[in-house]
Amino acid sequence: ILAAVQAHIITYLLFTRETECTHLERLCRVGRWEQG
């Protein structure tokens, strides 16, 4: 279950949310609010 949800989390962080960061930075520069 966690793996299935993780796939959607990565998709959201890389392709959906608005940010000026590069792809790798989009994943590493995630704060607590963005995690939620």
All heavy atoms as atom14 arrays in JSON, in Angstrom:
{
  "sequence": "ILAAVQAHIITYLLFTRETECTHLERLCRVGRWEQG",
  "atom14_mask": [
    [1, 1, 1, 1, 1, 1, 1, 1, 0, 0, 0, 0, 0, 0],
    [1, 1, 1, 1, 1, 1, 1, 1, 0, 0, 0, 0, 0, 0],
    [1, 1, 1, 1, 1, 0, 0, 0, 0, 0, 0, 0, 0, 0],
    [1, 1, 1, 1, 1, 0, 0, 0, 0, 0, 0, 0, 0, 0],
    [1, 1, 1, 1, 1, 1, 1, 0, 0, 0, 0, 0, 0, 0],
    [1, 1, 1, 1, 1, 1, 1, 1, 1, 0, 0, 0, 0, 0],
    [1, 1, 1, 1, 1, 0, 0, 0, 0, 0, 0, 0, 0, 0],
    [1, 1, 1, 1, 1, 1, 1, 1, 1, 1, 0, 0, 0, 0],
    [1, 1, 1, 1, 1, 1, 1, 1, 0, 0, 0, 0, 0, 0],
    [1, 1, 1, 1, 1, 1, 1, 1, 0, 0, 0, 0, 0, 0],
    [1, 1, 1, 1, 1, 1, 1, 0, 0, 0, 0, 0, 0, 0],
    [1, 1, 1, 1, 1, 1, 1, 1, 1, 1, 1, 1, 0, 0],
    [1, 1, 1, 1, 1, 1, 1, 1, 0, 0, 0, 0, 0, 0],
    [1, 1, 1, 1, 1, 1, 1, 1, 0, 0, 0, 0, 0, 0],
    [1, 1, 1, 1, 1, 1, 1, 1, 1, 1, 1, 0, 0, 0],
    [1, 1, 1, 1, 1, 1, 1, 0, 0, 0, 0, 0, 0, 0],
    [1, 1, 1, 1, 1, 1, 1, 1, 1, 1, 1, 0, 0, 0],
    [1, 1, 1, 1, 1, 1, 1, 1, 1, 0, 0, 0, 0, 0],
    [1, 1, 1, 1, 1, 1, 1, 0, 0, 0, 0, 0, 0, 0],
    [1, 1, 1, 1, 1, 1, 1, 1, 1, 0, 0, 0, 0, 0],
    [1, 1, 1, 1, 1, 1, 0, 0, 0, 0, 0, 0, 0, 0],
    [1, 1, 1, 1, 1, 1, 1, 0, 0, 0, 0, 0, 0, 0],
    [1, 1, 1, 1, 1, 1, 1, 1, 1, 1, 0, 0, 0, 0],
    [1, 1, 1, 1, 1, 1, 1, 1, 0, 0, 0, 0, 0, 0],
    [1, 1, 1, 1, 1, 1, 1, 1, 1, 0, 0, 0, 0, 0],
    [1, 1, 1, 1, 1, 1, 1, 1, 1, 1, 1, 0, 0, 0],
    [1, 1, 1, 1, 1, 1, 1, 1, 0, 0, 0, 0, 0, 0],
    [1, 1, 1, 1, 1, 1, 0, 0, 0, 0, 0, 0, 0, 0],
    [1, 1, 1, 1, 1, 1, 1, 1, 1, 1, 1, 0, 0, 0],
    [1, 1, 1, 1, 1, 1, 1, 0, 0, 0, 0, 0, 0, 0],
    [1, 1, 1, 1, 0, 0, 0, 0, 0, 0, 0, 0, 0, 0],
    [1, 1, 1, 1, 1, 1, 1, 1, 1, 1, 1, 0, 0, 0],
    [1, 1, 1, 1, 1, 1, 1, 1, 1, 1, 1, 1, 1, 1],
    [1, 1, 1, 1, 1, 1, 1, 1, 1, 0, 0, 0, 0, 0],
    [1, 1, 1, 1, 1, 1, 1, 1, 1, 0, 0, 0, 0, 0],
    [1, 1, 1, 1, 0, 0, 0, 0, 0, 0, 0, 0, 0, 0]
  ],
  "atom14_positions": [
    [[0.84, -1.2, 0.0], [0.0, 0.0, 0.0], [0.87, 1.24, 0.0], [0.63, 2.2, -0.75], [-0.96, 0.0, 1.21], [-1.99, -1.13, 1.03], [-1.64, 1.34, 1.38], [-2.9, -1.32, 2.2], [0.0, 0.0, 0.0], [0.0, 0.0, 0.0], [0.0, 0.0, 0.0], [0.0, 0.0, 0.0], [0.0, 0.0, 0.0], [0.0, 0.0, 0.0]],
    [[1.91, 1.26, 0.82], [2.8, 2.41, 0.88], [3.48, 2.64, -0.47], [3.65, 3.79, -0.9], [3.84, 2.22, 1.98], [3.29, 2.21, 3.41], [4.39, 1.85, 4.4], [2.68, 3.54, 3.76], [0.0, 0.0, 0.0], [0.0, 0.0, 0.0], [0.0, 0.0, 0.0], [0.0, 0.0, 0.0], [0.0, 0.0, 0.0], [0.0, 0.0, 0.0]],
    [[3.86, 1.57, -1.17], [4.52, 1.71, -2.47], [3.59, 2.33, -3.5], [4.0, 3.18, -4.3], [5.02, 0.35, -2.95], [0.0, 0.0, 0.0], [0.0, 0.0, 0.0], [0.0, 0.0, 0.0], [0.0, 0.0, 0.0], [0.0, 0.0, 0.0], [0.0, 0.0, 0.0], [0.0, 0.0, 0.0], [0.0, 0.0, 0.0], [0.0, 0.0, 0.0]],
    [[2.33, 1.93, -3.5], [1.36, 2.49, -4.44], [1.15, 3.98, -4.18], [1.1, 4.79, -5.11], [0.04, 1.74, -4.35], [0.0, 0.0, 0.0], [0.0, 0.0, 0.0], [0.0, 0.0, 0.0], [0.0, 0.0, 0.0], [0.0, 0.0, 0.0], [0.0, 0.0, 0.0], [0.0, 0.0, 0.0], [0.0, 0.0, 0.0], [0.0, 0.0, 0.0]],
    [[1.03, 4.34, -2.92], [0.85, 5.76, -2.57], [2.12, 6.54, -2.88], [2.06, 7.67, -3.38], [0.45, 5.9, -1.08], [0.44, 7.35, -0.64], [-0.92, 5.26, -0.84], [0.0, 0.0, 0.0], [0.0, 0.0, 0.0], [0.0, 0.0, 0.0], [0.0, 0.0, 0.0], [0.0, 0.0, 0.0], [0.0, 0.0, 0.0], [0.0, 0.0, 0.0]],
    [[3.28, 5.92, -2.65], [4.56, 6.58, -2.94], [4.67, 6.97, -4.41], [5.16, 8.04, -4.74], [5.73, 5.66, -2.56], [7.1, 6.27, -2.78], [7.38, 7.42, -1.83], [7.56, 7.21, -0.64], [7.41, 8.64, -2.34], [0.0, 0.0, 0.0], [0.0, 0.0, 0.0], [0.0, 0.0, 0.0], [0.0, 0.0, 0.0], [0.0, 0.0, 0.0]],
    [[4.2, 6.11, -5.3], [4.24, 6.42, -6.73], [3.44, 7.69, -7.03], [3.9, 8.55, -7.8], [3.7, 5.25, -7.54], [0.0, 0.0, 0.0], [0.0, 0.0, 0.0], [0.0, 0.0, 0.0], [0.0, 0.0, 0.0], [0.0, 0.0, 0.0], [0.0, 0.0, 0.0], [0.0, 0.0, 0.0], [0.0, 0.0, 0.0], [0.0, 0.0, 0.0]],
    [[2.29, 7.85, -6.41], [1.48, 9.06, -6.62], [2.14, 10.29, -6.0], [2.03, 11.39, -6.54], [0.07, 8.87, -6.05], [-0.8, 8.01, -6.9], [-1.45, 8.48, -8.02], [-1.13, 6.7, -6.81], [-2.13, 7.5, -8.57], [-1.96, 6.41, -7.85], [0.0, 0.0, 0.0], [0.0, 0.0, 0.0], [0.0, 0.0, 0.0], [0.0, 0.0, 0.0]],
    [[2.81, 10.1, -4.88], [3.51, 11.22, -4.22], [4.61, 11.75, -5.14], [4.74, 12.95, -5.36], [4.09, 10.79, -2.86], [2.96, 10.6, -1.85], [5.12, 11.8, -2.35], [3.39, 9.97, -0.54], [0.0, 0.0, 0.0], [0.0, 0.0, 0.0], [0.0, 0.0, 0.0], [0.0, 0.0, 0.0], [0.0, 0.0, 0.0], [0.0, 0.0, 0.0]],
    [[5.41, 10.85, -5.69], [6.5, 11.27, -6.57], [5.96, 11.95, -7.82], [6.48, 12.97, -8.27], [7.4, 10.07, -6.92], [8.18, 9.65, -5.67], [8.36, 10.41, -8.05], [8.98, 8.38, -5.82], [0.0, 0.0, 0.0], [0.0, 0.0, 0.0], [0.0, 0.0, 0.0], [0.0, 0.0, 0.0], [0.0, 0.0, 0.0], [0.0, 0.0, 0.0]],
    [[4.88, 11.4, -8.39], [4.26, 12.01, -9.57], [3.82, 13.44, -9.26], [4.06, 14.36, -10.03], [3.06, 11.18, -10.04], [3.53, 9.87, -10.37], [2.38, 11.81, -11.24], [0.0, 0.0, 0.0], [0.0, 0.0, 0.0], [0.0, 0.0, 0.0], [0.0, 0.0, 0.0], [0.0, 0.0, 0.0], [0.0, 0.0, 0.0], [0.0, 0.0, 0.0]],
    [[3.17, 13.63, -8.11], [2.73, 14.96, -7.71], [3.91, 15.91, -7.54], [3.9, 17.03, -8.06], [1.92, 14.87, -6.41], [1.66, 16.23, -5.79], [0.66, 17.05, -6.29], [2.41, 16.68, -4.71], [0.42, 18.31, -5.73], [2.18, 17.93, -4.15], [1.2, 18.74, -4.67], [0.97, 19.98, -4.13], [0.0, 0.0, 0.0], [0.0, 0.0, 0.0]],
    [[4.92, 15.47, -6.81], [6.06, 16.35, -6.53], [6.84, 16.71, -7.78], [7.35, 17.84, -7.9], [6.98, 15.69, -5.5], [6.42, 15.57, -4.08], [7.36, 14.77, -3.2], [6.12, 16.93, -3.48], [0.0, 0.0, 0.0], [0.0, 0.0, 0.0], [0.0, 0.0, 0.0], [0.0, 0.0, 0.0], [0.0, 0.0, 0.0], [0.0, 0.0, 0.0]],
    [[6.96, 15.79, -8.71], [7.74, 16.05, -9.92], [6.97, 16.81, -10.99], [7.52, 17.67, -11.67], [8.26, 14.74, -10.52], [9.42, 14.08, -9.81], [9.77, 12.76, -10.49], [10.64, 14.99, -9.76], [0.0, 0.0, 0.0], [0.0, 0.0, 0.0], [0.0, 0.0, 0.0], [0.0, 0.0, 0.0], [0.0, 0.0, 0.0], [0.0, 0.0, 0.0]],
    [[5.7, 16.48, -11.17], [5.0, 16.97, -12.35], [3.79, 17.86, -12.09], [3.33, 18.53, -13.01], [4.55, 15.78, -13.21], [5.68, 14.86, -13.56], [5.72, 13.57, -13.07], [6.72, 15.29, -14.37], [6.76, 12.72, -13.4], [7.77, 14.45, -14.7], [7.79, 13.15, -14.21], [0.0, 0.0, 0.0], [0.0, 0.0, 0.0], [0.0, 0.0, 0.0]],
    [[3.28, 17.89, -10.88], [2.04, 18.62, -10.64], [2.26, 19.93, -9.91], [1.76, 20.97, -10.32], [1.04, 17.76, -9.85], [0.85, 16.53, -10.56], [-0.29, 18.47, -9.7], [0.0, 0.0, 0.0], [0.0, 0.0, 0.0], [0.0, 0.0, 0.0], [0.0, 0.0, 0.0], [0.0, 0.0, 0.0], [0.0, 0.0, 0.0], [0.0, 0.0, 0.0]],
    [[2.99, 19.9, -8.84], [3.11, 21.11, -8.03], [3.98, 22.15, -8.73], [4.9, 21.83, -9.47], [3.63, 20.78, -6.63], [5.1, 20.78, -6.49], [5.51, 20.38, -5.09], [6.83, 19.83, -5.2], [7.88, 20.29, -4.54], [7.74, 21.24, -3.66], [9.07, 19.78, -4.75], [0.0, 0.0, 0.0], [0.0, 0.0, 0.0], [0.0, 0.0, 0.0]],
    [[3.66, 23.4, -8.47], [4.36, 24.53, -9.07], [5.6, 24.85, -8.24], [5.5, 25.15, -7.06], [3.44, 25.74, -9.12], [2.2, 25.55, -9.97], [2.51, 25.53, -11.45], [3.44, 26.25, -11.87], [1.84, 24.79, -12.18], [0.0, 0.0, 0.0], [0.0, 0.0, 0.0], [0.0, 0.0, 0.0], [0.0, 0.0, 0.0], [0.0, 0.0, 0.0]],
    [[6.77, 24.81, -8.87], [8.01, 25.17, -8.21], [9.05, 25.49, -9.28], [8.94, 25.04, -10.41], [8.51, 24.06, -7.27], [9.72, 24.49, -6.65], [8.75, 22.77, -8.01], [0.0, 0.0, 0.0], [0.0, 0.0, 0.0], [0.0, 0.0, 0.0], [0.0, 0.0, 0.0], [0.0, 0.0, 0.0], [0.0, 0.0, 0.0], [0.0, 0.0, 0.0]],
    [[10.04, 26.27, -8.9], [11.1, 26.63, -9.84], [12.3, 25.7, -9.74], [13.28, 25.88, -10.45], [11.54, 28.07, -9.57], [10.43, 29.08, -9.82], [10.84, 30.5, -9.46], [11.99, 30.71, -9.06], [9.98, 31.38, -9.58], [0.0, 0.0, 0.0], [0.0, 0.0, 0.0], [0.0, 0.0, 0.0], [0.0, 0.0, 0.0], [0.0, 0.0, 0.0]],
    [[12.26, 24.72, -8.89], [13.38, 23.81, -8.68], [13.52, 22.83, -9.84], [12.57, 22.54, -10.55], [13.17, 23.02, -7.38], [13.05, 24.05, -5.92], [0.0, 0.0, 0.0], [0.0, 0.0, 0.0], [0.0, 0.0, 0.0], [0.0, 0.0, 0.0], [0.0, 0.0, 0.0], [0.0, 0.0, 0.0], [0.0, 0.0, 0.0], [0.0, 0.0, 0.0]],
    [[14.72, 22.28, -9.97], [14.94, 21.21, -10.94], [14.27, 19.94, -10.42], [13.82, 19.89, -9.28], [16.45, 20.93, -11.14], [16.98, 20.42, -9.91], [17.19, 22.18, -11.56], [0.0, 0.0, 0.0], [0.0, 0.0, 0.0], [0.0, 0.0, 0.0], [0.0, 0.0, 0.0], [0.0, 0.0, 0.0], [0.0, 0.0, 0.0], [0.0, 0.0, 0.0]],
    [[14.22, 18.91, -11.25], [13.51, 17.69, -10.86], [14.06, 17.08, -9.58], [13.29, 16.72, -8.69], [13.55, 16.66, -12.0], [12.62, 16.99, -13.11], [11.26, 17.07, -12.92], [12.84, 17.28, -14.41], [10.68, 17.39, -14.05], [11.62, 17.53, -14.98], [0.0, 0.0, 0.0], [0.0, 0.0, 0.0], [0.0, 0.0, 0.0], [0.0, 0.0, 0.0]],
    [[15.36, 16.96, -9.45], [15.92, 16.37, -8.23], [15.67, 17.27, -7.03], [15.31, 16.8, -5.95], [17.42, 16.09, -8.4], [18.1, 15.4, -7.23], [17.4, 14.07, -6.91], [19.56, 15.17, -7.52], [0.0, 0.0, 0.0], [0.0, 0.0, 0.0], [0.0, 0.0, 0.0], [0.0, 0.0, 0.0], [0.0, 0.0, 0.0], [0.0, 0.0, 0.0]],
    [[15.83, 18.57, -7.22], [15.58, 19.5, -6.12], [14.11, 19.48, -5.7], [13.8, 19.7, -4.54], [15.97, 20.92, -6.53], [17.46, 21.13, -6.65], [17.81, 22.49, -7.23], [16.98, 23.05, -7.98], [18.9, 22.98, -6.94], [0.0, 0.0, 0.0], [0.0, 0.0, 0.0], [0.0, 0.0, 0.0], [0.0, 0.0, 0.0], [0.0, 0.0, 0.0]],
    [[13.22, 19.21, -6.65], [11.79, 19.15, -6.33], [11.53, 18.07, -5.28], [10.62, 18.2, -4.48], [10.96, 18.82, -7.57], [10.79, 19.94, -8.51], [10.03, 19.48, -9.74], [9.81, 20.6, -10.61], [8.64, 20.9, -11.14], [7.59, 20.16, -10.92], [8.52, 21.94, -11.9], [0.0, 0.0, 0.0], [0.0, 0.0, 0.0], [0.0, 0.0, 0.0]],
    [[12.29, 17.01, -5.32], [12.09, 15.91, -4.38], [12.77, 16.17, -3.04], [12.24, 15.81, -2.0], [12.6, 14.61, -4.98], [11.85, 14.09, -6.21], [12.5, 12.83, -6.73], [10.39, 13.85, -5.89], [0.0, 0.0, 0.0], [0.0, 0.0, 0.0], [0.0, 0.0, 0.0], [0.0, 0.0, 0.0], [0.0, 0.0, 0.0], [0.0, 0.0, 0.0]],
    [[13.95, 16.76, -3.06], [14.71, 16.94, -1.83], [14.3, 18.17, -1.03], [14.48, 18.21, 0.18], [16.2, 17.02, -2.15], [16.84, 15.52, -2.89], [0.0, 0.0, 0.0], [0.0, 0.0, 0.0], [0.0, 0.0, 0.0], [0.0, 0.0, 0.0], [0.0, 0.0, 0.0], [0.0, 0.0, 0.0], [0.0, 0.0, 0.0], [0.0, 0.0, 0.0]],
    [[13.78, 19.18, -1.69], [13.42, 20.41, -1.0], [11.95, 20.42, -0.61], [11.23, 21.37, -0.86], [13.72, 21.61, -1.89], [15.2, 21.82, -2.09], [15.44, 23.09, -2.82], [16.86, 23.29, -3.02], [17.37, 24.32, -3.65], [16.58, 25.25, -4.13], [18.66, 24.42, -3.8], [0.0, 0.0, 0.0], [0.0, 0.0, 0.0], [0.0, 0.0, 0.0]],
    [[11.54, 19.37, 0.03], [10.14, 19.23, 0.44], [10.06, 19.45, 1.94], [10.74, 18.79, 2.71], [9.61, 17.82, 0.07], [8.19, 17.65, 0.55], [9.69, 17.61, -1.43], [0.0, 0.0, 0.0], [0.0, 0.0, 0.0], [0.0, 0.0, 0.0], [0.0, 0.0, 0.0], [0.0, 0.0, 0.0], [0.0, 0.0, 0.0], [0.0, 0.0, 0.0]],
    [[9.21, 20.4, 2.32], [9.01, 20.68, 3.74], [7.85, 19.88, 4.29], [7.17, 19.14, 3.58], [0.0, 0.0, 0.0], [0.0, 0.0, 0.0], [0.0, 0.0, 0.0], [0.0, 0.0, 0.0], [0.0, 0.0, 0.0], [0.0, 0.0, 0.0], [0.0, 0.0, 0.0], [0.0, 0.0, 0.0], [0.0, 0.0, 0.0], [0.0, 0.0, 0.0]],
    [[7.6, 20.02, 5.57], [6.54, 19.27, 6.26], [5.16, 19.54, 5.65], [4.37, 18.65, 5.42], [6.53, 19.59, 7.75], [5.61, 18.7, 8.56], [5.81, 18.82, 10.05], [7.18, 18.75, 10.51], [7.88, 17.62, 10.64], [7.34, 16.48, 10.33], [9.13, 17.64, 11.07], [0.0, 0.0, 0.0], [0.0, 0.0, 0.0], [0.0, 0.0, 0.0]],
    [[4.84, 20.82, 5.36], [3.54, 21.16, 4.78], [3.4, 20.53, 3.4], [2.35, 19.97, 3.07], [3.38, 22.66, 4.69], [2.04, 23.06, 4.17], [0.88, 23.19, 4.88], [1.7, 23.36, 2.81], [-0.16, 23.55, 4.05], [0.32, 23.66, 2.77], [2.42, 23.4, 1.63], [-0.34, 24.01, 1.6], [1.76, 23.74, 0.46], [0.4, 24.04, 0.46]],
    [[4.46, 20.6, 2.59], [4.42, 20.01, 1.25], [4.29, 18.48, 1.31], [3.64, 17.89, 0.45], [5.67, 20.4, 0.46], [5.7, 21.86, 0.1], [7.02, 22.27, -0.52], [8.07, 22.01, 0.1], [6.99, 22.81, -1.63], [0.0, 0.0, 0.0], [0.0, 0.0, 0.0], [0.0, 0.0, 0.0], [0.0, 0.0, 0.0], [0.0, 0.0, 0.0]],
    [[4.89, 17.87, 2.31], [4.72, 16.43, 2.48], [3.26, 16.1, 2.71], [2.73, 15.16, 2.12], [5.56, 15.93, 3.67], [7.05, 15.89, 3.41], [7.84, 15.52, 4.65], [7.41, 15.73, 5.79], [9.03, 14.97, 4.44], [0.0, 0.0, 0.0], [0.0, 0.0, 0.0], [0.0, 0.0, 0.0], [0.0, 0.0, 0.0], [0.0, 0.0, 0.0]],
    [[2.6, 16.87, 3.56], [1.18, 16.65, 3.82], [0.32, 16.85, 2.59], [-0.6, 16.07, 2.32], [0.0, 0.0, 0.0], [0.0, 0.0, 0.0], [0.0, 0.0, 0.0], [0.0, 0.0, 0.0], [0.0, 0.0, 0.0], [0.0, 0.0, 0.0], [0.0, 0.0, 0.0], [0.0, 0.0, 0.0], [0.0, 0.0, 0.0], [0.0, 0.0, 0.0]]
  ]
}
